[in-house]
Amino acid sequence: MTCAGPGSHVIEGIVTTDCDSELGCWTSSLWQPPHLARFVERFWYSAGTTSVSRERLLPNGLVELAICLAEPHRLIEGAGTQTLRLCLTGLQTGPMVIEHPSYHRVLGLRLHPAGAYALLSLPMGEVSGLTVDLGDLLGATANELAERCNETVSVEGCFQIAANWVAERVLRARALDPRIAWSVGRIEQSTGKVPIAELREATGLSKTRLANVFRDQIGVLPKVNSRIVRYRRALALLDRATPSLADVAVESGYYDQSHMTTEFRELGRLTPREFVATHYPGSTTALEY
């Protein structure tokens, strides 16, 4: 669980916030080192207690690597391993619900698809929509990462260990096909509104070839990726303020409010209004009471 607010302070680029509310009492930290920005959207750390034991995590177009440094979390809704201790969640195309222990201490890496592809060196379609044990994927190197972080008391130390681990792996990693990297960027720039036919024409890839390579390196088909990008944009707009849903739909690239509501139900099992009523500020997380 992450938190941001006026009580935050920054030391050497790490933003730390102490959260104390009806939701619980915990400390969260966020680090976004520029030298790894191509691969990691953020490193995050959270430790403390929460009064709401379950969270609904919604698709955000990123791959999540999490190391539970205290008691494990549990996967209540979603596909994959149920005990979450050292795990990786591929690109989500639907919601997942996790249950927190009474006290949590977690280190997380939120990876761009390109970063996940580089770190894992395997077809990303194999982990899409799944939560898997990272040790099963990477073997000893994943377990060593978890052991080193467990032995480290400070947040800064955990972040540095994880950053060094990422930097070492990406040095010898496979890069995205330049045509796929361009397509991902174009989808992001257009907020998911670019026609897939335009991607095919610009890259010179056939319909089948574009679909296969995109799914292999990103994890989902281009059209699905576009849907997730639009959805993420709508979630962000709903988090920042309470504008009309019709305005959010237009700005997010939906045909109209009805189209947006349909997509919200399919991707998150929540309507836009339900998200606004239950989401945790600053996140794509809905609280489960």
C-alpha atoms as a PDB file:
ATOM      1  CA  MET A   1       0.000   0.000   0.000  1.00  0.00           C
ATOM      2  CA  THR A   2       1.363   3.440  -0.903  1.00  0.00           C
ATOM      3  CA  CYS A   3       0.563   6.854   0.453  1.00  0.00           C
ATOM      4  CA  ALA A   4       1.291  10.459  -0.517  1.00  0.00           C
ATOM      5  CA  GLY A   5       0.417  13.647   1.267  1.00  0.00           C
ATOM      6  CA  PRO A   6       1.543  16.955   2.745  1.00  0.00           C
ATOM      7  CA  GLY A   7       3.581  15.166   5.421  1.00  0.00           C
ATOM      8  CA  SER A   8       6.014  13.751   2.862  1.00  0.00           C
ATOM      9  CA  HIS A   9       9.744  14.457   2.990  1.00  0.00           C
ATOM     10  CA  VAL A  10      12.468  13.829   0.433  1.00  0.00           C
ATOM     11  CA  ILE A  11      15.986  12.583   1.127  1.00  0.00           C
ATOM     12  CA  GLU A  12      18.315  11.755  -1.779  1.00  0.00           C
ATOM     13  CA  GLY A  13      15.385  11.397  -4.146  1.00  0.00           C
ATOM     14  CA  ILE A  14      13.380   9.061  -1.880  1.00  0.00           C
ATOM     15  CA  VAL A  15       9.939  10.405  -0.999  1.00  0.00           C
ATOM     16  CA  THR A  16       8.776   9.095   2.389  1.00  0.00           C
ATOM     17  CA  THR A  17       5.376   9.627   3.968  1.00  0.00           C
ATOM     18  CA  ASP A  18       4.064   8.653   7.392  1.00  0.00           C
ATOM     19  CA  CYS A  19       0.397   7.704   7.132  1.00  0.00           C
ATOM     20  CA  ASP A  20      -1.843   7.659  10.173  1.00  0.00           C
ATOM     21  CA  SER A  21      -5.595   7.550   9.559  1.00  0.00           C
ATOM     22  CA  GLU A  22      -8.658   5.395   9.950  1.00  0.00           C
ATOM     23  CA  LEU A  23      -7.102   3.146   7.292  1.00  0.00           C
ATOM     24  CA  GLY A  24      -4.130   2.291   9.484  1.00  0.00           C
ATOM     25  CA  CYS A  25      -0.647   3.446  10.431  1.00  0.00           C
ATOM     26  CA  TRP A  26       2.258   2.857   8.093  1.00  0.00           C
ATOM     27  CA  THR A  27       5.230   4.464   6.377  1.00  0.00           C
ATOM     28  CA  SER A  28       5.593   4.408   2.606  1.00  0.00           C
ATOM     29  CA  SER A  29       8.558   5.356   0.430  1.00  0.00           C
ATOM     30  CA  LEU A  30       8.873   5.979  -3.305  1.00  0.00           C
ATOM     31  CA  TRP A  31      12.022   6.191  -5.433  1.00  0.00           C
ATOM     32  CA  GLN A  32      12.247   6.845  -9.170  1.00  0.00           C
ATOM     33  CA  PRO A  33      15.950   6.828 -10.142  1.00  0.00           C
ATOM     34  CA  PRO A  34      16.415   8.451 -13.581  1.00  0.00           C
ATOM     35  CA  HIS A  35      19.088   5.996 -14.723  1.00  0.00           C
ATOM     36  CA  LEU A  36      16.568   3.125 -14.551  1.00  0.00           C
ATOM     37  CA  ALA A  37      13.503   5.037 -15.766  1.00  0.00           C
ATOM     38  CA  ARG A  38      13.352   3.065 -19.031  1.00  0.00           C
ATOM     39  CA  PHE A  39      12.836  -0.123 -17.081  1.00  0.00           C
ATOM     40  CA  VAL A  40      11.330   0.705 -13.667  1.00  0.00           C
ATOM     41  CA  GLU A  41       8.433   3.109 -13.189  1.00  0.00           C
ATOM     42  CA  ARG A  42       9.088   3.165  -9.428  1.00  0.00           C
ATOM     43  CA  PHE A  43      10.619   1.373  -6.493  1.00  0.00           C
ATOM     44  CA  TRP A  44       8.275   1.418  -3.490  1.00  0.00           C
ATOM     45  CA  TYR A  45       8.366   0.316   0.105  1.00  0.00           C
ATOM     46  CA  SER A  46       5.618   0.098   2.722  1.00  0.00           C
ATOM     47  CA  ALA A  47       5.696  -1.019   6.343  1.00  0.00           C
ATOM     48  CA  GLY A  48       3.099  -0.850   9.101  1.00  0.00           C
ATOM     49  CA  THR A  49      -0.466  -1.857   9.867  1.00  0.00           C
ATOM     50  CA  THR A  50      -3.722  -1.385   7.971  1.00  0.00           C
ATOM     51  CA  SER A  51      -7.299  -1.553   9.195  1.00  0.00           C
ATOM     52  CA  VAL A  52      -8.648  -2.514   5.766  1.00  0.00           C
ATOM     53  CA  SER A  53      -7.270  -5.974   5.140  1.00  0.00           C
ATOM     54  CA  ARG A  54      -8.162  -6.349   1.460  1.00  0.00           C
ATOM     55  CA  GLU A  55      -7.338  -4.299  -1.624  1.00  0.00           C
ATOM     56  CA  ARG A  56      -8.630  -4.582  -5.189  1.00  0.00           C
ATOM     57  CA  LEU A  57      -5.733  -3.904  -7.557  1.00  0.00           C
ATOM     58  CA  LEU A  58      -6.791  -2.648 -10.979  1.00  0.00           C
ATOM     59  CA  PRO A  59      -4.976  -2.944 -14.338  1.00  0.00           C
ATOM     60  CA  ASN A  60      -2.362  -0.204 -14.777  1.00  0.00           C
ATOM     61  CA  GLY A  61      -0.248  -1.375 -17.710  1.00  0.00           C
ATOM     62  CA  LEU A  62       2.721  -2.272 -15.501  1.00  0.00           C
ATOM     63  CA  VAL A  63       4.318  -5.453 -14.173  1.00  0.00           C
ATOM     64  CA  GLU A  64       4.659  -5.717 -10.394  1.00  0.00           C
ATOM     65  CA  LEU A  65       7.494  -7.448  -8.558  1.00  0.00           C
ATOM     66  CA  ALA A  66       6.960  -7.670  -4.798  1.00  0.00           C
ATOM     67  CA  ILE A  67       9.046  -9.009  -1.927  1.00  0.00           C
ATOM     68  CA  CYS A  68       7.237  -9.490   1.386  1.00  0.00           C
ATOM     69  CA  LEU A  69       9.836  -8.912   4.090  1.00  0.00           C
ATOM     70  CA  ALA A  70       7.462  -9.856   6.926  1.00  0.00           C
ATOM     71  CA  GLU A  71       4.413 -12.117   6.731  1.00  0.00           C
ATOM     72  CA  PRO A  72       3.224 -12.977   3.208  1.00  0.00           C
ATOM     73  CA  HIS A  73       0.118 -11.531   1.608  1.00  0.00           C
ATOM     74  CA  ARG A  74      -2.575 -13.750   0.091  1.00  0.00           C
ATOM     75  CA  LEU A  75      -4.168 -13.689  -3.339  1.00  0.00           C
ATOM     76  CA  ILE A  76      -7.937 -13.839  -2.800  1.00  0.00           C
ATOM     77  CA  GLU A  77      -9.132 -13.100  -6.327  1.00  0.00           C
ATOM     78  CA  GLY A  78      -7.041 -13.634  -9.438  1.00  0.00           C
ATOM     79  CA  ALA A  79      -5.021 -16.358 -11.123  1.00  0.00           C
ATOM     80  CA  GLY A  80      -1.762 -17.767  -9.872  1.00  0.00           C
ATOM     81  CA  THR A  81       0.024 -18.535  -6.631  1.00  0.00           C
ATOM     82  CA  GLN A  82      -2.022 -17.746  -3.520  1.00  0.00           C
ATOM     83  CA  THR A  83       0.779 -17.139  -1.017  1.00  0.00           C
ATOM     84  CA  LEU A  84       2.541 -13.914  -1.978  1.00  0.00           C
ATOM     85  CA  ARG A  85       6.062 -13.785  -0.575  1.00  0.00           C
ATOM     86  CA  LEU A  86       8.386 -13.320  -3.560  1.00  0.00           C
ATOM     87  CA  CYS A  87       6.191 -12.828  -6.574  1.00  0.00           C
ATOM     88  CA  LEU A  88       5.677 -11.199  -9.936  1.00  0.00           C
ATOM     89  CA  THR A  89       2.340 -10.166 -11.421  1.00  0.00           C
ATOM     90  CA  GLY A  90       2.243  -9.852 -15.201  1.00  0.00           C
ATOM     91  CA  LEU A  91       0.172  -7.293 -17.059  1.00  0.00           C
ATOM     92  CA  GLN A  92      -3.318  -7.386 -15.597  1.00  0.00           C
ATOM     93  CA  THR A  93      -6.350  -7.509 -17.826  1.00  0.00           C
ATOM     94  CA  GLY A  94      -8.722  -7.782 -14.866  1.00  0.00           C
ATOM     95  CA  PRO A  95      -8.747  -7.045 -11.143  1.00  0.00           C
ATOM     96  CA  MET A  96      -7.003  -8.970  -8.406  1.00  0.00           C
ATOM     97  CA  VAL A  97      -7.770  -8.851  -4.694  1.00  0.00           C
ATOM     98  CA  ILE A  98      -5.042  -9.326  -2.103  1.00  0.00           C
ATOM     99  CA  GLU A  99      -5.305  -9.756   1.653  1.00  0.00           C
ATOM    100  CA  HIS A 100      -2.793  -8.062   3.956  1.00  0.00           C
ATOM    101  CA  PRO A 101      -1.401  -9.559   7.163  1.00  0.00           C
ATOM    102  CA  SER A 102      -1.902  -7.534  10.354  1.00  0.00           C
ATOM    103  CA  TYR A 103       1.605  -6.102   9.914  1.00  0.00           C
ATOM    104  CA  HIS A 104       3.243  -5.732   6.530  1.00  0.00           C
ATOM    105  CA  ARG A 105       6.715  -4.836   5.271  1.00  0.00           C
ATOM    106  CA  VAL A 106       6.982  -4.965   1.489  1.00  0.00           C
ATOM    107  CA  LEU A 107       9.473  -3.896  -1.176  1.00  0.00           C
ATOM    108  CA  GLY A 108       8.075  -3.480  -4.674  1.00  0.00           C
ATOM    109  CA  LEU A 109       9.326  -2.780  -8.192  1.00  0.00           C
ATOM    110  CA  ARG A 110       6.784  -1.479 -10.680  1.00  0.00           C
ATOM    111  CA  LEU A 111       8.179  -2.384 -14.085  1.00  0.00           C
ATOM    112  CA  HIS A 112       7.431  -1.055 -17.526  1.00  0.00           C
ATOM    113  CA  PRO A 113       6.710  -3.972 -19.907  1.00  0.00           C
ATOM    114  CA  ALA A 114      10.065  -3.318 -21.601  1.00  0.00           C
ATOM    115  CA  GLY A 115      11.785  -3.572 -18.233  1.00  0.00           C
ATOM    116  CA  ALA A 116       9.988  -6.788 -17.346  1.00  0.00           C
ATOM    117  CA  TYR A 117      10.938  -8.285 -20.711  1.00  0.00           C
ATOM    118  CA  ALA A 118      14.567  -7.342 -20.120  1.00  0.00           C
ATOM    119  CA  LEU A 119      14.650  -8.674 -16.559  1.00  0.00           C
ATOM    120  CA  LEU A 120      12.849 -11.948 -17.189  1.00  0.00           C
ATOM    121  CA  SER A 121      14.095 -12.852 -20.679  1.00  0.00           C
ATOM    122  CA  LEU A 122      10.989 -14.889 -21.383  1.00  0.00           C
ATOM    123  CA  PRO A 123       7.784 -14.425 -23.422  1.00  0.00           C
ATOM    124  CA  MET A 124       5.722 -11.939 -21.430  1.00  0.00           C
ATOM    125  CA  GLY A 125       2.492 -13.548 -22.592  1.00  0.00           C
ATOM    126  CA  GLU A 126       3.343 -16.467 -20.313  1.00  0.00           C
ATOM    127  CA  VAL A 127       2.810 -14.352 -17.182  1.00  0.00           C
ATOM    128  CA  SER A 128       0.065 -11.967 -18.308  1.00  0.00           C
ATOM    129  CA  GLY A 129      -2.889 -12.045 -15.933  1.00  0.00           C
ATOM    130  CA  LEU A 130      -0.953 -14.284 -13.527  1.00  0.00           C
ATOM    131  CA  THR A 131       0.822 -13.901 -10.208  1.00  0.00           C
ATOM    132  CA  VAL A 132       3.781 -16.264 -10.111  1.00  0.00           C
ATOM    133  CA  ASP A 133       6.603 -17.118  -7.734  1.00  0.00           C
ATOM    134  CA  LEU A 134       9.676 -15.202  -8.908  1.00  0.00           C
ATOM    135  CA  GLY A 135      11.949 -17.980  -7.703  1.00  0.00           C
ATOM    136  CA  ASP A 136      10.211 -20.398 -10.053  1.00  0.00           C
ATOM    137  CA  LEU A 137      10.918 -18.010 -12.941  1.00  0.00           C
ATOM    138  CA  LEU A 138      14.480 -16.925 -12.199  1.00  0.00           C
ATOM    139  CA  GLY A 139      15.811 -19.451  -9.684  1.00  0.00           C
ATOM    140  CA  ALA A 140      18.696 -18.599  -7.366  1.00  0.00           C
ATOM    141  CA  THR A 141      19.094 -14.971  -8.452  1.00  0.00           C
ATOM    142  CA  ALA A 142      15.560 -14.126  -7.282  1.00  0.00           C
ATOM    143  CA  ASN A 143      15.990 -15.907  -3.957  1.00  0.00           C
ATOM    144  CA  GLU A 144      19.329 -14.150  -3.387  1.00  0.00           C
ATOM    145  CA  LEU A 145      17.659 -10.782  -4.005  1.00  0.00           C
ATOM    146  CA  ALA A 146      14.997 -11.562  -1.410  1.00  0.00           C
ATOM    147  CA  GLU A 147      17.582 -12.789   1.119  1.00  0.00           C
ATOM    148  CA  ARG A 148      19.724  -9.662   0.769  1.00  0.00           C
ATOM    149  CA  CYS A 149      16.704  -7.386   1.191  1.00  0.00           C
ATOM    150  CA  ASN A 150      15.554  -9.361   4.228  1.00  0.00           C
ATOM    151  CA  GLU A 151      18.955  -8.802   5.826  1.00  0.00           C
ATOM    152  CA  THR A 152      18.787  -5.042   5.228  1.00  0.00           C
ATOM    153  CA  VAL A 153      17.126  -2.818   7.823  1.00  0.00           C
ATOM    154  CA  SER A 154      16.986   0.499   5.969  1.00  0.00           C
ATOM    155  CA  VAL A 155      14.654   1.460   3.121  1.00  0.00           C
ATOM    156  CA  GLU A 156      17.585   3.060   1.311  1.00  0.00           C
ATOM    157  CA  GLY A 157      19.523  -0.177   1.525  1.00  0.00           C
ATOM    158  CA  CYS A 158      16.654  -2.224   0.106  1.00  0.00           C
ATOM    159  CA  PHE A 159      16.192   0.223  -2.759  1.00  0.00           C
ATOM    160  CA  GLN A 160      19.898   0.179  -3.617  1.00  0.00           C
ATOM    161  CA  ILE A 161      20.094  -3.623  -3.560  1.00  0.00           C
ATOM    162  CA  ALA A 162      17.078  -3.858  -5.862  1.00  0.00           C
ATOM    163  CA  ALA A 163      18.417  -1.140  -8.176  1.00  0.00           C
ATOM    164  CA  ASN A 164      21.806  -2.848  -8.491  1.00  0.00           C
ATOM    165  CA  TRP A 165      20.042  -6.130  -9.231  1.00  0.00           C
ATOM    166  CA  VAL A 166      17.998  -4.515 -12.005  1.00  0.00           C
ATOM    167  CA  ALA A 167      20.993  -2.702 -13.484  1.00  0.00           C
ATOM    168  CA  GLU A 168      23.071  -5.889 -13.580  1.00  0.00           C
ATOM    169  CA  ARG A 169      20.350  -7.900 -15.298  1.00  0.00           C
ATOM    170  CA  VAL A 170      19.432  -5.315 -17.935  1.00  0.00           C
ATOM    171  CA  LEU A 171      23.084  -5.006 -19.021  1.00  0.00           C
ATOM    172  CA  ARG A 172      22.893  -8.457 -20.576  1.00  0.00           C
ATOM    173  CA  ALA A 173      19.182  -8.450 -21.393  1.00  0.00           C
ATOM    174  CA  ARG A 174      17.301  -8.622 -24.651  1.00  0.00           C
ATOM    175  CA  ALA A 175      15.938  -5.308 -25.861  1.00  0.00           C
ATOM    176  CA  LEU A 176      12.487  -4.868 -27.332  1.00  0.00           C
ATOM    177  CA  ASP A 177      12.148  -5.092 -31.078  1.00  0.00           C
ATOM    178  CA  PRO A 178      12.449  -1.405 -32.141  1.00  0.00           C
ATOM    179  CA  ARG A 179       9.147  -1.707 -34.039  1.00  0.00           C
ATOM    180  CA  ILE A 180       7.384  -2.914 -30.898  1.00  0.00           C
ATOM    181  CA  ALA A 181       9.030  -0.229 -28.767  1.00  0.00           C
ATOM    182  CA  TRP A 182       7.791   2.405 -31.245  1.00  0.00           C
ATOM    183  CA  SER A 183       4.290   0.910 -31.235  1.00  0.00           C
ATOM    184  CA  VAL A 184       4.141   0.976 -27.422  1.00  0.00           C
ATOM    185  CA  GLY A 185       5.247   4.601 -27.432  1.00  0.00           C
ATOM    186  CA  ARG A 186       2.679   5.521 -30.057  1.00  0.00           C
ATOM    187  CA  ILE A 187      -0.117   3.877 -28.053  1.00  0.00           C
ATOM    188  CA  GLU A 188       0.973   5.785 -24.942  1.00  0.00           C
ATOM    189  CA  GLN A 189       1.252   9.110 -26.789  1.00  0.00           C
ATOM    190  CA  SER A 190      -2.227   8.721 -28.250  1.00  0.00           C
ATOM    191  CA  THR A 191      -3.719   7.578 -24.930  1.00  0.00           C
ATOM    192  CA  GLY A 192      -4.706   4.328 -26.608  1.00  0.00           C
ATOM    193  CA  LYS A 193      -6.541   5.998 -29.495  1.00  0.00           C
ATOM    194  CA  VAL A 194      -4.158   5.162 -32.349  1.00  0.00           C
ATOM    195  CA  PRO A 195      -5.702   2.697 -34.858  1.00  0.00           C
ATOM    196  CA  ILE A 196      -3.910  -0.657 -34.880  1.00  0.00           C
ATOM    197  CA  ALA A 197      -3.865  -0.452 -38.684  1.00  0.00           C
ATOM    198  CA  GLU A 198      -1.646   2.623 -38.347  1.00  0.00           C
ATOM    199  CA  LEU A 199       0.820   0.606 -36.268  1.00  0.00           C
ATOM    200  CA  ARG A 200       0.917  -2.138 -38.890  1.00  0.00           C
ATOM    201  CA  GLU A 201       1.491   0.348 -41.691  1.00  0.00           C
ATOM    202  CA  ALA A 202       4.242   2.216 -39.832  1.00  0.00           C
ATOM    203  CA  THR A 203       6.117  -0.901 -38.703  1.00  0.00           C
ATOM    204  CA  GLY A 204       5.645  -2.936 -41.870  1.00  0.00           C
ATOM    205  CA  LEU A 205       4.458  -5.899 -39.833  1.00  0.00           C
ATOM    206  CA  SER A 206       1.527  -8.038 -40.891  1.00  0.00           C
ATOM    207  CA  LYS A 207      -1.522  -8.261 -38.649  1.00  0.00           C
ATOM    208  CA  THR A 208      -0.457 -11.686 -37.370  1.00  0.00           C
ATOM    209  CA  ARG A 209       3.208 -10.794 -36.962  1.00  0.00           C
ATOM    210  CA  LEU A 210       2.471  -7.583 -35.051  1.00  0.00           C
ATOM    211  CA  ALA A 211       0.078  -9.421 -32.745  1.00  0.00           C
ATOM    212  CA  ASN A 212       2.502 -12.283 -32.054  1.00  0.00           C
ATOM    213  CA  VAL A 213       5.615 -10.184 -31.422  1.00  0.00           C
ATOM    214  CA  PHE A 214       3.712  -7.598 -29.382  1.00  0.00           C
ATOM    215  CA  ARG A 215       2.215 -10.288 -27.149  1.00  0.00           C
ATOM    216  CA  ASP A 216       5.591 -12.003 -26.794  1.00  0.00           C
ATOM    217  CA  GLN A 217       7.442  -8.847 -25.715  1.00  0.00           C
ATOM    218  CA  ILE A 218       4.717  -6.800 -23.989  1.00  0.00           C
ATOM    219  CA  GLY A 219       2.368  -9.529 -22.772  1.00  0.00           C
ATOM    220  CA  VAL A 220      -0.925  -8.656 -24.447  1.00  0.00           C
ATOM    221  CA  LEU A 221      -2.229  -7.801 -27.908  1.00  0.00           C
ATOM    222  CA  PRO A 222      -1.912  -4.179 -29.128  1.00  0.00           C
ATOM    223  CA  LYS A 223      -5.665  -3.642 -28.873  1.00  0.00           C
ATOM    224  CA  VAL A 224      -5.734  -4.878 -25.277  1.00  0.00           C
ATOM    225  CA  ASN A 225      -2.766  -2.650 -24.433  1.00  0.00           C
ATOM    226  CA  SER A 226      -4.672   0.323 -25.858  1.00  0.00           C
ATOM    227  CA  ARG A 227      -7.670  -0.496 -23.667  1.00  0.00           C
ATOM    228  CA  ILE A 228      -5.472  -0.638 -20.556  1.00  0.00           C
ATOM    229  CA  VAL A 229      -3.847   2.707 -21.433  1.00  0.00           C
ATOM    230  CA  ARG A 230      -7.255   4.385 -21.794  1.00  0.00           C
ATOM    231  CA  TYR A 231      -8.451   2.788 -18.560  1.00  0.00           C
ATOM    232  CA  ARG A 232      -5.370   3.941 -16.662  1.00  0.00           C
ATOM    233  CA  ARG A 233      -5.882   7.478 -17.969  1.00  0.00           C
ATOM    234  CA  ALA A 234      -9.487   7.480 -16.784  1.00  0.00           C
ATOM    235  CA  LEU A 235      -8.486   6.179 -13.337  1.00  0.00           C
ATOM    236  CA  ALA A 236      -5.914   8.968 -13.017  1.00  0.00           C
ATOM    237  CA  LEU A 237      -8.445  11.644 -13.960  1.00  0.00           C
ATOM    238  CA  LEU A 238     -10.987  10.291 -11.493  1.00  0.00           C
ATOM    239  CA  ASP A 239      -8.345  10.245  -8.764  1.00  0.00           C
ATOM    240  CA  ARG A 240      -7.303  13.877  -9.215  1.00  0.00           C
ATOM    241  CA  ALA A 241     -10.714  15.497  -9.075  1.00  0.00           C
ATOM    242  CA  THR A 242     -14.412  14.882  -9.477  1.00  0.00           C
ATOM    243  CA  PRO A 243     -15.202  16.173 -12.967  1.00  0.00           C
ATOM    244  CA  SER A 244     -18.219  14.961 -14.894  1.00  0.00           C
ATOM    245  CA  LEU A 245     -17.946  11.374 -16.020  1.00  0.00           C
ATOM    246  CA  ALA A 246     -18.781  12.465 -19.559  1.00  0.00           C
ATOM    247  CA  ASP A 247     -15.737  14.773 -19.588  1.00  0.00           C
ATOM    248  CA  VAL A 248     -13.498  12.014 -18.218  1.00  0.00           C
ATOM    249  CA  ALA A 249     -14.732   9.628 -20.910  1.00  0.00           C
ATOM    250  CA  VAL A 250     -13.931  12.070 -23.723  1.00  0.00           C
ATOM    251  CA  GLU A 251     -10.508  13.008 -22.346  1.00  0.00           C
ATOM    252  CA  SER A 252      -9.619   9.341 -21.843  1.00  0.00           C
ATOM    253  CA  GLY A 253     -10.428   8.406 -25.438  1.00  0.00           C
ATOM    254  CA  TYR A 254     -13.763   6.619 -24.990  1.00  0.00           C
ATOM    255  CA  TYR A 255     -16.647   7.114 -27.392  1.00  0.00           C
ATOM    256  CA  ASP A 256     -18.896   8.281 -24.559  1.00  0.00           C
ATOM    257  CA  GLN A 257     -19.670   7.736 -20.872  1.00  0.00           C
ATOM    258  CA  SER A 258     -21.512   4.489 -21.556  1.00  0.00           C
ATOM    259  CA  HIS A 259     -18.464   3.066 -23.363  1.00  0.00           C
ATOM    260  CA  MET A 260     -16.250   4.020 -20.406  1.00  0.00           C
ATOM    261  CA  THR A 261     -18.600   2.398 -17.902  1.00  0.00           C
ATOM    262  CA  THR A 262     -18.627  -0.829 -19.930  1.00  0.00           C
ATOM    263  CA  GLU A 263     -14.816  -0.892 -19.995  1.00  0.00           C
ATOM    264  CA  PHE A 264     -14.638  -0.222 -16.249  1.00  0.00           C
ATOM    265  CA  ARG A 265     -16.895  -3.177 -15.546  1.00  0.00           C
ATOM    266  CA  GLU A 266     -14.863  -5.477 -17.805  1.00  0.00           C
ATOM    267  CA  LEU A 267     -11.397  -4.426 -16.637  1.00  0.00           C
ATOM    268  CA  GLY A 268     -11.992  -3.683 -12.952  1.00  0.00           C
ATOM    269  CA  ARG A 269     -15.418  -5.093 -12.016  1.00  0.00           C
ATOM    270  CA  LEU A 270     -16.248  -1.591 -10.754  1.00  0.00           C
ATOM    271  CA  THR A 271     -18.168   1.273 -12.326  1.00  0.00           C
ATOM    272  CA  PRO A 272     -16.482   4.705 -12.422  1.00  0.00           C
ATOM    273  CA  ARG A 273     -18.646   5.885  -9.523  1.00  0.00           C
ATOM    274  CA  GLU A 274     -17.776   2.809  -7.473  1.00  0.00           C
ATOM    275  CA  PHE A 275     -14.087   3.438  -8.101  1.00  0.00           C
ATOM    276  CA  VAL A 276     -14.381   7.038  -6.917  1.00  0.00           C
ATOM    277  CA  ALA A 277     -16.211   5.898  -3.767  1.00  0.00           C
ATOM    278  CA  THR A 278     -13.763   3.144  -2.778  1.00  0.00           C
ATOM    279  CA  HIS A 279     -10.351   3.893  -4.279  1.00  0.00           C
ATOM    280  CA  TYR A 280      -7.306   4.769  -2.230  1.00  0.00           C
ATOM    281  CA  PRO A 281      -6.096   8.318  -3.139  1.00  0.00           C
ATOM    282  CA  GLY A 282      -3.116   8.434  -5.461  1.00  0.00           C
ATOM    283  CA  SER A 283      -3.447   4.831  -6.606  1.00  0.00           C
ATOM    284  CA  THR A 284      -5.283   2.366  -8.841  1.00  0.00           C
ATOM    285  CA  THR A 285      -6.361   0.506  -5.734  1.00  0.00           C
ATOM    286  CA  ALA A 286      -9.920   0.105  -4.461  1.00  0.00           C
ATOM    287  CA  LEU A 287     -10.452  -0.778  -0.829  1.00  0.00           C
ATOM    288  CA  GLU A 288     -12.401  -3.941  -0.066  1.00  0.00           C
ATOM    289  CA  TYR A 289     -14.500  -3.609   3.104  1.00  0.00           C
END
